[in-house]
């Protein structure tokens, strides 16, 4: 099967649910990220306090990325569509319904780092 046709209202509901989950996970990761930034900054200050040279001047903490705008773009397109049924390719179905975006692997790695 190369394409599938879905009711627009059902597709909007699935994408909205996926977006809500994404935003909740992102918010939780940001909380953990802020704690890690504070912890690493404090450790850097303590390390530098007793040194005469060779100071640490940065921390290596990667900020989680939100992809909320991608959900918003698709939802906006669907809401603007005059069609009651929407035909999706396999790739679109994978992203919009199964929530398996090209960035999902990196997002999962961030979740592992910050939420486990």
PDB file of N, CA and C in Angstrom:
ATOM      1  N   UNK A   1       0.856  -1.180   0.000  1.00  0.00           N
ATOM      2  CA  UNK A   1       0.000   0.000   0.000  1.00  0.00           C
ATOM      3  C   UNK A   1       0.898   1.237   0.000  1.00  0.00           C
ATOM      4  N   UNK A   2       0.683   2.086  -0.967  1.00  0.00           N
ATOM      5  CA  UNK A   2       1.512   3.287  -1.087  1.00  0.00           C
ATOM      6  C   UNK A   2       0.875   4.498  -0.430  1.00  0.00           C
ATOM      7  N   UNK A   3      -0.455   4.553  -0.440  1.00  0.00           N
ATOM      8  CA  UNK A   3      -1.166   5.694   0.129  1.00  0.00           C
ATOM      9  C   UNK A   3      -2.334   5.202   0.969  1.00  0.00           C
ATOM     10  N   UNK A   4      -2.752   6.066   1.878  1.00  0.00           N
ATOM     11  CA  UNK A   4      -3.924   5.774   2.688  1.00  0.00           C
ATOM     12  C   UNK A   4      -4.733   7.061   2.821  1.00  0.00           C
ATOM     13  N   UNK A   5      -6.046   6.929   2.775  1.00  0.00           N
ATOM     14  CA  UNK A   5      -6.913   8.087   2.918  1.00  0.00           C
ATOM     15  C   UNK A   5      -7.592   8.015   4.279  1.00  0.00           C
ATOM     16  N   UNK A   6      -7.489   9.103   5.027  1.00  0.00           N
ATOM     17  CA  UNK A   6      -8.030   9.172   6.384  1.00  0.00           C
ATOM     18  C   UNK A   6      -9.007  10.337   6.496  1.00  0.00           C
ATOM     19  N   UNK A   7      -9.921  10.204   7.436  1.00  0.00           N
ATOM     20  CA  UNK A   7     -10.813  11.325   7.740  1.00  0.00           C
ATOM     21  C   UNK A   7      -9.972  12.450   8.344  1.00  0.00           C
ATOM     22  N   UNK A   8     -10.150  13.657   7.830  1.00  0.00           N
ATOM     23  CA  UNK A   8      -9.357  14.801   8.295  1.00  0.00           C
ATOM     24  C   UNK A   8      -9.494  15.001   9.799  1.00  0.00           C
ATOM     25  N   UNK A   9     -10.696  14.882  10.334  1.00  0.00           N
ATOM     26  CA  UNK A   9     -10.911  15.096  11.775  1.00  0.00           C
ATOM     27  C   UNK A   9     -10.139  14.074  12.601  1.00  0.00           C
ATOM     28  N   UNK A  10     -10.120  12.832  12.142  1.00  0.00           N
ATOM     29  CA  UNK A  10      -9.378  11.790  12.865  1.00  0.00           C
ATOM     30  C   UNK A  10      -7.880  12.053  12.804  1.00  0.00           C
ATOM     31  N   UNK A  11      -7.391  12.462  11.647  1.00  0.00           N
ATOM     32  CA  UNK A  11      -5.971  12.777  11.490  1.00  0.00           C
ATOM     33  C   UNK A  11      -5.575  13.945  12.377  1.00  0.00           C
ATOM     34  N   UNK A  12      -6.397  14.964  12.426  1.00  0.00           N
ATOM     35  CA  UNK A  12      -6.127  16.114  13.302  1.00  0.00           C
ATOM     36  C   UNK A  12      -6.064  15.672  14.759  1.00  0.00           C
ATOM     37  N   UNK A  13      -6.971  14.797  15.168  1.00  0.00           N
ATOM     38  CA  UNK A  13      -6.986  14.311  16.552  1.00  0.00           C
ATOM     39  C   UNK A  13      -5.710  13.543  16.885  1.00  0.00           C
ATOM     40  N   UNK A  14      -5.240  12.698  15.967  1.00  0.00           N
ATOM     41  CA  UNK A  14      -4.019  11.914  16.202  1.00  0.00           C
ATOM     42  C   UNK A  14      -2.806  12.831  16.293  1.00  0.00           C
ATOM     43  N   UNK A  15      -2.701  13.760  15.360  1.00  0.00           N
ATOM     44  CA  UNK A  15      -1.543  14.668  15.369  1.00  0.00           C
ATOM     45  C   UNK A  15      -1.565  15.559  16.606  1.00  0.00           C
ATOM     46  N   UNK A  16      -2.726  16.020  17.008  1.00  0.00           N
ATOM     47  CA  UNK A  16      -2.845  16.848  18.215  1.00  0.00           C
ATOM     48  C   UNK A  16      -2.412  16.063  19.447  1.00  0.00           C
ATOM     49  N   UNK A  17      -2.797  14.799  19.526  1.00  0.00           N
ATOM     50  CA  UNK A  17      -2.375  13.944  20.641  1.00  0.00           C
ATOM     51  C   UNK A  17      -0.862  13.744  20.630  1.00  0.00           C
ATOM     52  N   UNK A  18      -0.293  13.487  19.448  1.00  0.00           N
ATOM     53  CA  UNK A  18       1.162  13.332  19.325  1.00  0.00           C
ATOM     54  C   UNK A  18       1.880  14.611  19.744  1.00  0.00           C
ATOM     55  N   UNK A  19       1.321  15.762  19.359  1.00  0.00           N
ATOM     56  CA  UNK A  19       1.922  17.049  19.707  1.00  0.00           C
ATOM     57  C   UNK A  19       1.881  17.270  21.218  1.00  0.00           C
ATOM     58  N   UNK A  20       0.786  16.939  21.834  1.00  0.00           N
ATOM     59  CA  UNK A  20       0.666  17.088  23.283  1.00  0.00           C
ATOM     60  C   UNK A  20       1.711  16.245  24.001  1.00  0.00           C
ATOM     61  N   UNK A  21       1.871  14.992  23.570  1.00  0.00           N
ATOM     62  CA  UNK A  21       2.886  14.117  24.167  1.00  0.00           C
ATOM     63  C   UNK A  21       4.280  14.710  23.967  1.00  0.00           C
ATOM     64  N   UNK A  22       4.557  15.172  22.757  1.00  0.00           N
ATOM     65  CA  UNK A  22       5.859  15.768  22.450  1.00  0.00           C
ATOM     66  C   UNK A  22       6.129  16.967  23.365  1.00  0.00           C
ATOM     67  N   UNK A  23       5.151  17.840  23.508  1.00  0.00           N
ATOM     68  CA  UNK A  23       5.330  19.045  24.324  1.00  0.00           C
ATOM     69  C   UNK A  23       5.500  18.719  25.799  1.00  0.00           C
ATOM     70  N   UNK A  24       4.806  17.714  26.295  1.00  0.00           N
ATOM     71  CA  UNK A  24       4.966  17.298  27.696  1.00  0.00           C
ATOM     72  C   UNK A  24       6.368  16.747  27.930  1.00  0.00           C
ATOM     73  N   UNK A  25       6.824  15.897  27.017  1.00  0.00           N
ATOM     74  CA  UNK A  25       8.171  15.333  27.154  1.00  0.00           C
ATOM     75  C   UNK A  25       9.226  16.424  27.037  1.00  0.00           C
ATOM     76  N   UNK A  26       9.037  17.353  26.118  1.00  0.00           N
ATOM     77  CA  UNK A  26       9.984  18.454  25.964  1.00  0.00           C
ATOM     78  C   UNK A  26      10.045  19.302  27.245  1.00  0.00           C
ATOM     79  N   UNK A  27       8.906  19.606  27.826  1.00  0.00           N
ATOM     80  CA  UNK A  27       8.878  20.403  29.061  1.00  0.00           C
ATOM     81  C   UNK A  27       9.615  19.682  30.189  1.00  0.00           C
ATOM     82  N   UNK A  28       9.417  18.378  30.299  1.00  0.00           N
ATOM     83  CA  UNK A  28      10.121  17.600  31.328  1.00  0.00           C
ATOM     84  C   UNK A  28      11.630  17.596  31.076  1.00  0.00           C
ATOM     85  N   UNK A  29      12.014  17.462  29.808  1.00  0.00           N
ATOM     86  CA  UNK A  29      13.441  17.486  29.478  1.00  0.00           C
ATOM     87  C   UNK A  29      14.052  18.847  29.780  1.00  0.00           C
ATOM     88  N   UNK A  30      13.320  19.919  29.512  1.00  0.00           N
ATOM     89  CA  UNK A  30      13.846  21.256  29.783  1.00  0.00           C
ATOM     90  C   UNK A  30      14.063  21.467  31.276  1.00  0.00           C
ATOM     91  N   UNK A  31      13.169  20.939  32.090  1.00  0.00           N
ATOM     92  CA  UNK A  31      13.360  21.043  33.543  1.00  0.00           C
ATOM     93  C   UNK A  31      14.658  20.344  33.953  1.00  0.00           C
ATOM     94  N   UNK A  32      14.868  19.134  33.461  1.00  0.00           N
ATOM     95  CA  UNK A  32      16.084  18.392  33.783  1.00  0.00           C
ATOM     96  C   UNK A  32      17.315  19.089  33.202  1.00  0.00           C
ATOM     97  N   UNK A  33      17.185  19.655  32.015  1.00  0.00           N
ATOM     98  CA  UNK A  33      18.288  20.391  31.389  1.00  0.00           C
ATOM     99  C   UNK A  33      18.707  21.574  32.254  1.00  0.00           C
ATOM    100  N   UNK A  34      17.734  22.324  32.754  1.00  0.00           N
ATOM    101  CA  UNK A  34      18.046  23.487  33.591  1.00  0.00           C
ATOM    102  C   UNK A  34      18.778  23.076  34.861  1.00  0.00           C
ATOM    103  N   UNK A  35      18.379  21.974  35.446  1.00  0.00           N
ATOM    104  CA  UNK A  35      19.067  21.465  36.639  1.00  0.00           C
ATOM    105  C   UNK A  35      20.501  21.088  36.289  1.00  0.00           C
ATOM    106  N   UNK A  36      20.685  20.413  35.155  1.00  0.00           N
ATOM    107  CA  UNK A  36      22.024  20.014  34.748  1.00  0.00           C
ATOM    108  C   UNK A  36      22.908  21.221  34.451  1.00  0.00           C
ATOM    109  N   UNK A  37      22.354  22.238  33.812  1.00  0.00           N
ATOM    110  CA  UNK A  37      23.123  23.463  33.542  1.00  0.00           C
ATOM    111  C   UNK A  37      23.561  24.098  34.860  1.00  0.00           C
ATOM    112  N   UNK A  38      22.658  24.188  35.811  1.00  0.00           N
ATOM    113  CA  UNK A  38      22.995  24.781  37.110  1.00  0.00           C
ATOM    114  C   UNK A  38      24.073  23.966  37.821  1.00  0.00           C
ATOM    115  N   UNK A  39      23.940  22.662  37.799  1.00  0.00           N
ATOM    116  CA  UNK A  39      24.913  21.783  38.454  1.00  0.00           C
ATOM    117  C   UNK A  39      26.285  21.906  37.804  1.00  0.00           C
ATOM    118  N   UNK A  40      26.323  21.875  36.480  1.00  0.00           N
ATOM    119  CA  UNK A  40      27.594  21.979  35.761  1.00  0.00           C
ATOM    120  C   UNK A  40      28.234  23.355  35.936  1.00  0.00           C
ATOM    121  N   UNK A  41      27.420  24.398  35.959  1.00  0.00           N
ATOM    122  CA  UNK A  41      27.945  25.757  36.157  1.00  0.00           C
ATOM    123  C   UNK A  41      28.551  25.896  37.548  1.00  0.00           C
ATOM    124  N   UNK A  42      27.861  25.369  38.542  1.00  0.00           N
ATOM    125  CA  UNK A  42      28.384  25.415  39.921  1.00  0.00           C
ATOM    126  C   UNK A  42      29.703  24.649  40.010  1.00  0.00           C
ATOM    127  N   UNK A  43      29.766  23.486  39.390  1.00  0.00           N
ATOM    128  CA  UNK A  43      31.000  22.691  39.417  1.00  0.00           C
ATOM    129  C   UNK A  43      32.142  23.442  38.722  1.00  0.00           C
ATOM    130  N   UNK A  44      31.834  24.134  37.619  1.00  0.00           N
ATOM    131  CA  UNK A  44      32.854  24.897  36.909  1.00  0.00           C
ATOM    132  C   UNK A  44      33.364  26.054  37.774  1.00  0.00           C
ATOM    133  N   UNK A  45      32.457  26.744  38.446  1.00  0.00           N
ATOM    134  CA  UNK A  45      32.852  27.853  39.322  1.00  0.00           C
ATOM    135  C   UNK A  45      33.732  27.345  40.455  1.00  0.00           C
ATOM    136  N   UNK A  46      33.348  26.238  41.068  1.00  0.00           N
ATOM    137  CA  UNK A  46      34.141  25.656  42.156  1.00  0.00           C
ATOM    138  C   UNK A  46      35.514  25.210  41.662  1.00  0.00           C
ATOM    139  N   UNK A  47      35.565  24.628  40.472  1.00  0.00           N
ATOM    140  CA  UNK A  47      36.834  24.198  39.885  1.00  0.00           C
ATOM    141  C   UNK A  47      37.745  25.394  39.651  1.00  0.00           C
ATOM    142  N   UNK A  48      37.188  26.477  39.112  1.00  0.00           N
ATOM    143  CA  UNK A  48      37.982  27.655  38.781  1.00  0.00           C
ATOM    144  C   UNK A  48      38.394  28.471  39.998  1.00  0.00           C
ATOM    145  N   UNK A  49      37.653  28.373  41.077  1.00  0.00           N
ATOM    146  CA  UNK A  49      37.908  29.200  42.263  1.00  0.00           C
ATOM    147  C   UNK A  49      39.302  28.989  42.842  1.00  0.00           C
ATOM    148  N   UNK A  50      39.836  27.797  42.742  1.00  0.00           N
ATOM    149  CA  UNK A  50      41.133  27.510  43.358  1.00  0.00           C
ATOM    150  C   UNK A  50      42.277  27.462  42.350  1.00  0.00           C
ATOM    151  N   UNK A  51      42.046  27.936  41.157  1.00  0.00           N
ATOM    152  CA  UNK A  51      43.068  27.833  40.109  1.00  0.00           C
ATOM    153  C   UNK A  51      43.677  29.201  39.790  1.00  0.00           C
ATOM    154  N   UNK A  52      44.914  29.163  39.368  1.00  0.00           N
ATOM    155  CA  UNK A  52      45.623  30.360  38.926  1.00  0.00           C
ATOM    156  C   UNK A  52      45.566  30.499  37.403  1.00  0.00           C
ATOM    157  N   UNK A  53      45.412  29.370  36.696  1.00  0.00           N
ATOM    158  CA  UNK A  53      45.342  29.361  35.238  1.00  0.00           C
ATOM    159  C   UNK A  53      44.623  28.095  34.790  1.00  0.00           C
ATOM    160  N   UNK A  54      44.511  27.932  33.491  1.00  0.00           N
ATOM    161  CA  UNK A  54      43.831  26.760  32.913  1.00  0.00           C
ATOM    162  C   UNK A  54      42.397  26.630  33.433  1.00  0.00           C
ATOM    163  N   UNK A  55      41.679  27.721  33.309  1.00  0.00           N
ATOM    164  CA  UNK A  55      40.284  27.743  33.779  1.00  0.00           C
ATOM    165  C   UNK A  55      39.365  26.981  32.824  1.00  0.00           C
ATOM    166  N   UNK A  56      38.337  26.415  33.388  1.00  0.00           N
ATOM    167  CA  UNK A  56      37.248  25.867  32.584  1.00  0.00           C
ATOM    168  C   UNK A  56      36.335  27.031  32.261  1.00  0.00           C
ATOM    169  N   UNK A  57      36.021  27.214  30.996  1.00  0.00           N
ATOM    170  CA  UNK A  57      35.210  28.376  30.619  1.00  0.00           C
ATOM    171  C   UNK A  57      33.896  28.003  29.928  1.00  0.00           C
ATOM    172  N   UNK A  58      33.621  26.728  29.840  1.00  0.00           N
ATOM    173  CA  UNK A  58      32.353  26.324  29.231  1.00  0.00           C
ATOM    174  C   UNK A  58      31.887  24.998  29.816  1.00  0.00           C
ATOM    175  N   UNK A  59      30.633  24.729  29.590  1.00  0.00           N
ATOM    176  CA  UNK A  59      30.059  23.455  30.003  1.00  0.00           C
ATOM    177  C   UNK A  59      29.539  22.756  28.754  1.00  0.00           C
ATOM    178  N   UNK A  60      29.484  21.446  28.814  1.00  0.00           N
ATOM    179  CA  UNK A  60      29.026  20.664  27.664  1.00  0.00           C
ATOM    180  C   UNK A  60      27.681  20.027  28.000  1.00  0.00           C
ATOM    181  N   UNK A  61      26.643  20.816  27.803  1.00  0.00           N
ATOM    182  CA  UNK A  61      25.283  20.360  28.053  1.00  0.00           C
ATOM    183  C   UNK A  61      24.457  20.731  26.828  1.00  0.00           C
ATOM    184  N   UNK A  62      23.823  19.755  26.223  1.00  0.00           N
ATOM    185  CA  UNK A  62      23.046  20.000  25.006  1.00  0.00           C
ATOM    186  C   UNK A  62      21.581  20.253  25.348  1.00  0.00           C
ATOM    187  N   UNK A  63      21.088  21.353  24.835  1.00  0.00           N
ATOM    188  CA  UNK A  63      19.698  21.729  25.082  1.00  0.00           C
ATOM    189  C   UNK A  63      18.764  20.861  24.234  1.00  0.00           C
ATOM    190  N   UNK A  64      17.721  20.338  24.849  1.00  0.00           N
ATOM    191  CA  UNK A  64      16.731  19.571  24.076  1.00  0.00           C
ATOM    192  C   UNK A  64      16.075  20.465  23.014  1.00  0.00           C
ATOM    193  N   UNK A  65      15.669  19.846  21.929  1.00  0.00           N
ATOM    194  CA  UNK A  65      15.038  20.580  20.837  1.00  0.00           C
ATOM    195  C   UNK A  65      13.541  20.291  20.808  1.00  0.00           C
ATOM    196  N   UNK A  66      12.764  21.344  20.658  1.00  0.00           N
ATOM    197  CA  UNK A  66      11.329  21.201  20.463  1.00  0.00           C
ATOM    198  C   UNK A  66      11.036  21.190  18.964  1.00  0.00           C
ATOM    199  N   UNK A  67      10.115  20.342  18.580  1.00  0.00           N
ATOM    200  CA  UNK A  67       9.687  20.281  17.183  1.00  0.00           C
ATOM    201  C   UNK A  67       8.210  20.634  17.079  1.00  0.00           C
ATOM    202  N   UNK A  68       7.743  21.421  18.032  1.00  0.00           N
ATOM    203  CA  UNK A  68       6.348  21.832  18.078  1.00  0.00           C
ATOM    204  C   UNK A  68       5.916  22.532  16.786  1.00  0.00           C
ATOM    205  N   UNK A  69       6.824  23.301  16.202  1.00  0.00           N
ATOM    206  CA  UNK A  69       6.480  24.025  14.984  1.00  0.00           C
ATOM    207  C   UNK A  69       6.129  23.096  13.826  1.00  0.00           C
ATOM    208  N   UNK A  70       6.708  21.904  13.792  1.00  0.00           N
ATOM    209  CA  UNK A  70       6.363  20.958  12.733  1.00  0.00           C
ATOM    210  C   UNK A  70       4.932  20.450  12.903  1.00  0.00           C
ATOM    211  N   UNK A  71       4.547  20.187  14.143  1.00  0.00           N
ATOM    212  CA  UNK A  71       3.160  19.795  14.401  1.00  0.00           C
ATOM    213  C   UNK A  71       2.216  20.945  14.038  1.00  0.00           C
ATOM    214  N   UNK A  72       2.577  22.156  14.457  1.00  0.00           N
ATOM    215  CA  UNK A  72       1.733  23.324  14.157  1.00  0.00           C
ATOM    216  C   UNK A  72       1.544  23.515  12.656  1.00  0.00           C
ATOM    217  N   UNK A  73       2.628  23.333  11.885  1.00  0.00           N
ATOM    218  CA  UNK A  73       2.547  23.517  10.442  1.00  0.00           C
ATOM    219  C   UNK A  73       1.580  22.508   9.818  1.00  0.00           C
ATOM    220  N   UNK A  74       1.694  21.249  10.201  1.00  0.00           N
ATOM    221  CA  UNK A  74       0.817  20.218   9.633  1.00  0.00           C
ATOM    222  C   UNK A  74      -0.628  20.456  10.062  1.00  0.00           C
ATOM    223  N   UNK A  75      -0.834  20.798  11.329  1.00  0.00           N
ATOM    224  CA  UNK A  75      -2.197  21.058  11.798  1.00  0.00           C
ATOM    225  C   UNK A  75      -2.799  22.271  11.090  1.00  0.00           C
ATOM    226  N   UNK A  76      -2.008  23.281  10.854  1.00  0.00           N
ATOM    227  CA  UNK A  76      -2.491  24.457  10.138  1.00  0.00           C
ATOM    228  C   UNK A  76      -2.895  24.089   8.715  1.00  0.00           C
ATOM    229  N   UNK A  77      -2.077  23.303   8.059  1.00  0.00           N
ATOM    230  CA  UNK A  77      -2.391  22.870   6.696  1.00  0.00           C
ATOM    231  C   UNK A  77      -3.690  22.069   6.667  1.00  0.00           C
ATOM    232  N   UNK A  78      -3.851  21.174   7.638  1.00  0.00           N
ATOM    233  CA  UNK A  78      -5.069  20.366   7.689  1.00  0.00           C
ATOM    234  C   UNK A  78      -6.292  21.230   7.971  1.00  0.00           C
ATOM    235  N   UNK A  79      -6.147  22.159   8.878  1.00  0.00           N
ATOM    236  CA  UNK A  79      -7.278  23.031   9.211  1.00  0.00           C
ATOM    237  C   UNK A  79      -7.672  23.942   8.044  1.00  0.00           C
ATOM    238  N   UNK A  80      -6.725  24.265   7.201  1.00  0.00           N
ATOM    239  CA  UNK A  80      -7.009  25.117   6.044  1.00  0.00           C
ATOM    240  C   UNK A  80      -7.568  24.319   4.860  1.00  0.00           C
ATOM    241  N   UNK A  81      -7.359  23.016   4.892  1.00  0.00           N
ATOM    242  CA  UNK A  81      -7.811  22.179   3.780  1.00  0.00           C
ATOM    243  C   UNK A  81      -9.339  22.139   3.720  1.00  0.00           C
ATOM    244  N   UNK A  82      -9.859  22.181   2.515  1.00  0.00           N
ATOM    245  CA  UNK A  82     -11.314  22.092   2.333  1.00  0.00           C
ATOM    246  C   UNK A  82     -11.764  20.636   2.210  1.00  0.00           C
ATOM    247  N   UNK A  83     -10.803  19.719   2.156  1.00  0.00           N
ATOM    248  CA  UNK A  83     -11.123  18.299   2.010  1.00  0.00           C
ATOM    249  C   UNK A  83     -11.533  17.686   3.348  1.00  0.00           C
ATOM    250  N   UNK A  84     -12.500  16.788   3.302  1.00  0.00           N
ATOM    251  CA  UNK A  84     -12.916  16.052   4.501  1.00  0.00           C
ATOM    252  C   UNK A  84     -12.054  14.816   4.713  1.00  0.00           C
ATOM    253  N   UNK A  85     -11.434  14.342   3.638  1.00  0.00           N
ATOM    254  CA  UNK A  85     -10.541  13.183   3.697  1.00  0.00           C
ATOM    255  C   UNK A  85      -9.182  13.595   3.161  1.00  0.00           C
ATOM    256  N   UNK A  86      -8.142  13.065   3.782  1.00  0.00           N
ATOM    257  CA  UNK A  86      -6.772  13.420   3.426  1.00  0.00           C
ATOM    258  C   UNK A  86      -6.024  12.148   3.048  1.00  0.00           C
ATOM    259  N   UNK A  87      -5.359  12.182   1.901  1.00  0.00           N
ATOM    260  CA  UNK A  87      -4.561  11.044   1.457  1.00  0.00           C
ATOM    261  C   UNK A  87      -3.107  11.275   1.858  1.00  0.00           C
ATOM    262  N   UNK A  88      -2.549  10.284   2.545  1.00  0.00           N
ATOM    263  CA  UNK A  88      -1.166  10.360   3.004  1.00  0.00           C
ATOM    264  C   UNK A  88      -0.321   9.307   2.312  1.00  0.00           C
ATOM    265  N   UNK A  89       0.914   9.661   2.028  1.00  0.00           N
ATOM    266  CA  UNK A  89       1.899   8.685   1.546  1.00  0.00           C
ATOM    267  C   UNK A  89       2.360   7.854   2.749  1.00  0.00           C
ATOM    268  N   UNK A  90       3.127   6.816   2.480  1.00  0.00           N
ATOM    269  CA  UNK A  90       3.677   6.015   3.586  1.00  0.00           C
ATOM    270  C   UNK A  90       4.524   6.881   4.513  1.00  0.00           C
ATOM    271  N   UNK A  91       5.347   7.745   3.936  1.00  0.00           N
ATOM    272  CA  UNK A  91       6.221   8.613   4.738  1.00  0.00           C
ATOM    273  C   UNK A  91       5.403   9.580   5.588  1.00  0.00           C
ATOM    274  N   UNK A  92       4.401  10.188   5.008  1.00  0.00           N
ATOM    275  CA  UNK A  92       3.546  11.103   5.771  1.00  0.00           C
ATOM    276  C   UNK A  92       2.811  10.355   6.874  1.00  0.00           C
ATOM    277  N   UNK A  93       2.323   9.166   6.580  1.00  0.00           N
ATOM    278  CA  UNK A  93       1.640   8.353   7.593  1.00  0.00           C
ATOM    279  C   UNK A  93       2.593   8.035   8.745  1.00  0.00           C
ATOM    280  N   UNK A  94       3.826   7.656   8.389  1.00  0.00           N
ATOM    281  CA  UNK A  94       4.834   7.336   9.405  1.00  0.00           C
ATOM    282  C   UNK A  94       5.068   8.528  10.324  1.00  0.00           C
ATOM    283  N   UNK A  95       5.158   9.714   9.745  1.00  0.00           N
ATOM    284  CA  UNK A  95       5.413  10.900  10.552  1.00  0.00           C
ATOM    285  C   UNK A  95       4.176  11.341  11.323  1.00  0.00           C
ATOM    286  N   UNK A  96       3.080  11.560  10.628  1.00  0.00           N
ATOM    287  CA  UNK A  96       1.912  12.206  11.224  1.00  0.00           C
ATOM    288  C   UNK A  96       1.116  11.292  12.140  1.00  0.00           C
ATOM    289  N   UNK A  97       0.996  10.032  11.775  1.00  0.00           N
ATOM    290  CA  UNK A  97       0.178   9.109  12.570  1.00  0.00           C
ATOM    291  C   UNK A  97       1.028   8.317  13.555  1.00  0.00           C
ATOM    292  N   UNK A  98       2.110   7.729  13.055  1.00  0.00           N
ATOM    293  CA  UNK A  98       2.962   6.911  13.923  1.00  0.00           C
ATOM    294  C   UNK A  98       3.940   7.753  14.744  1.00  0.00           C
ATOM    295  N   UNK A  99       4.059   9.034  14.433  1.00  0.00           N
ATOM    296  CA  UNK A  99       4.940   9.971  15.143  1.00  0.00           C
ATOM    297  C   UNK A  99       6.407   9.563  15.021  1.00  0.00           C
ATOM    298  N   UNK A 100       6.780   9.074  13.854  1.00  0.00           N
ATOM    299  CA  UNK A 100       8.155   8.655  13.580  1.00  0.00           C
ATOM    300  C   UNK A 100       8.785   9.627  12.587  1.00  0.00           C
ATOM    301  N   UNK A 101       9.171  10.777  13.099  1.00  0.00           N
ATOM    302  CA  UNK A 101       9.759  11.840  12.285  1.00  0.00           C
ATOM    303  C   UNK A 101      11.251  11.575  12.080  1.00  0.00           C
ATOM    304  N   UNK A 102      11.846  12.286  11.155  1.00  0.00           N
ATOM    305  CA  UNK A 102      13.282  12.138  10.902  1.00  0.00           C
ATOM    306  C   UNK A 102      14.109  12.512  12.131  1.00  0.00           C
ATOM    307  N   UNK A 103      13.596  13.381  12.969  1.00  0.00           N
ATOM    308  CA  UNK A 103      14.311  13.836  14.167  1.00  0.00           C
ATOM    309  C   UNK A 103      13.989  12.969  15.397  1.00  0.00           C
ATOM    310  N   UNK A 104      13.155  11.966  15.257  1.00  0.00           N
ATOM    311  CA  UNK A 104      12.700  11.175  16.411  1.00  0.00           C
ATOM    312  C   UNK A 104      13.847  10.480  17.137  1.00  0.00           C
ATOM    313  N   UNK A 105      14.854  10.024  16.413  1.00  0.00           N
ATOM    314  CA  UNK A 105      15.995   9.359  17.054  1.00  0.00           C
ATOM    315  C   UNK A 105      16.752  10.286  17.988  1.00  0.00           C
ATOM    316  N   UNK A 106      17.006  11.509  17.540  1.00  0.00           N
ATOM    317  CA  UNK A 106      17.702  12.494  18.381  1.00  0.00           C
ATOM    318  C   UNK A 106      16.846  12.886  19.581  1.00  0.00           C
ATOM    319  N   UNK A 107      15.552  13.010  19.360  1.00  0.00           N
ATOM    320  CA  UNK A 107      14.645  13.349  20.455  1.00  0.00           C
ATOM    321  C   UNK A 107      14.637  12.228  21.486  1.00  0.00           C
ATOM    322  N   UNK A 108      14.648  10.982  21.032  1.00  0.00           N
ATOM    323  CA  UNK A 108      14.687   9.831  21.940  1.00  0.00           C
ATOM    324  C   UNK A 108      15.986   9.804  22.744  1.00  0.00           C
ATOM    325  N   UNK A 109      17.092  10.184  22.105  1.00  0.00           N
ATOM    326  CA  UNK A 109      18.366  10.243  22.829  1.00  0.00           C
ATOM    327  C   UNK A 109      18.315  11.309  23.922  1.00  0.00           C
ATOM    328  N   UNK A 110      17.700  12.441  23.626  1.00  0.00           N
ATOM    329  CA  UNK A 110      17.542  13.485  24.644  1.00  0.00           C
ATOM    330  C   UNK A 110      16.664  12.992  25.790  1.00  0.00           C
ATOM    331  N   UNK A 111      15.603  12.273  25.444  1.00  0.00           N
ATOM    332  CA  UNK A 111      14.730  11.726  26.496  1.00  0.00           C
ATOM    333  C   UNK A 111      15.500  10.759  27.386  1.00  0.00           C
ATOM    334  N   UNK A 112      16.326   9.926  26.781  1.00  0.00           N
ATOM    335  CA  UNK A 112      17.134   8.985  27.554  1.00  0.00           C
ATOM    336  C   UNK A 112      18.076   9.734  28.491  1.00  0.00           C
ATOM    337  N   UNK A 113      18.691  10.781  27.995  1.00  0.00           N
ATOM    338  CA  UNK A 113      19.632  11.547  28.808  1.00  0.00           C
ATOM    339  C   UNK A 113      18.949  12.281  29.954  1.00  0.00           C
ATOM    340  N   UNK A 114      17.843  12.928  29.679  1.00  0.00           N
ATOM    341  CA  UNK A 114      17.233  13.813  30.666  1.00  0.00           C
ATOM    342  C   UNK A 114      16.109  13.190  31.482  1.00  0.00           C
ATOM    343  N   UNK A 115      15.478  12.147  30.986  1.00  0.00           N
ATOM    344  CA  UNK A 115      14.308  11.614  31.702  1.00  0.00           C
ATOM    345  C   UNK A 115      14.552  10.235  32.309  1.00  0.00           C
ATOM    346  N   UNK A 116      15.744   9.680  32.155  1.00  0.00           N
ATOM    347  CA  UNK A 116      16.029   8.363  32.761  1.00  0.00           C
ATOM    348  C   UNK A 116      17.070   8.479  33.847  1.00  0.00           C
TER     349      UNK A 116
END
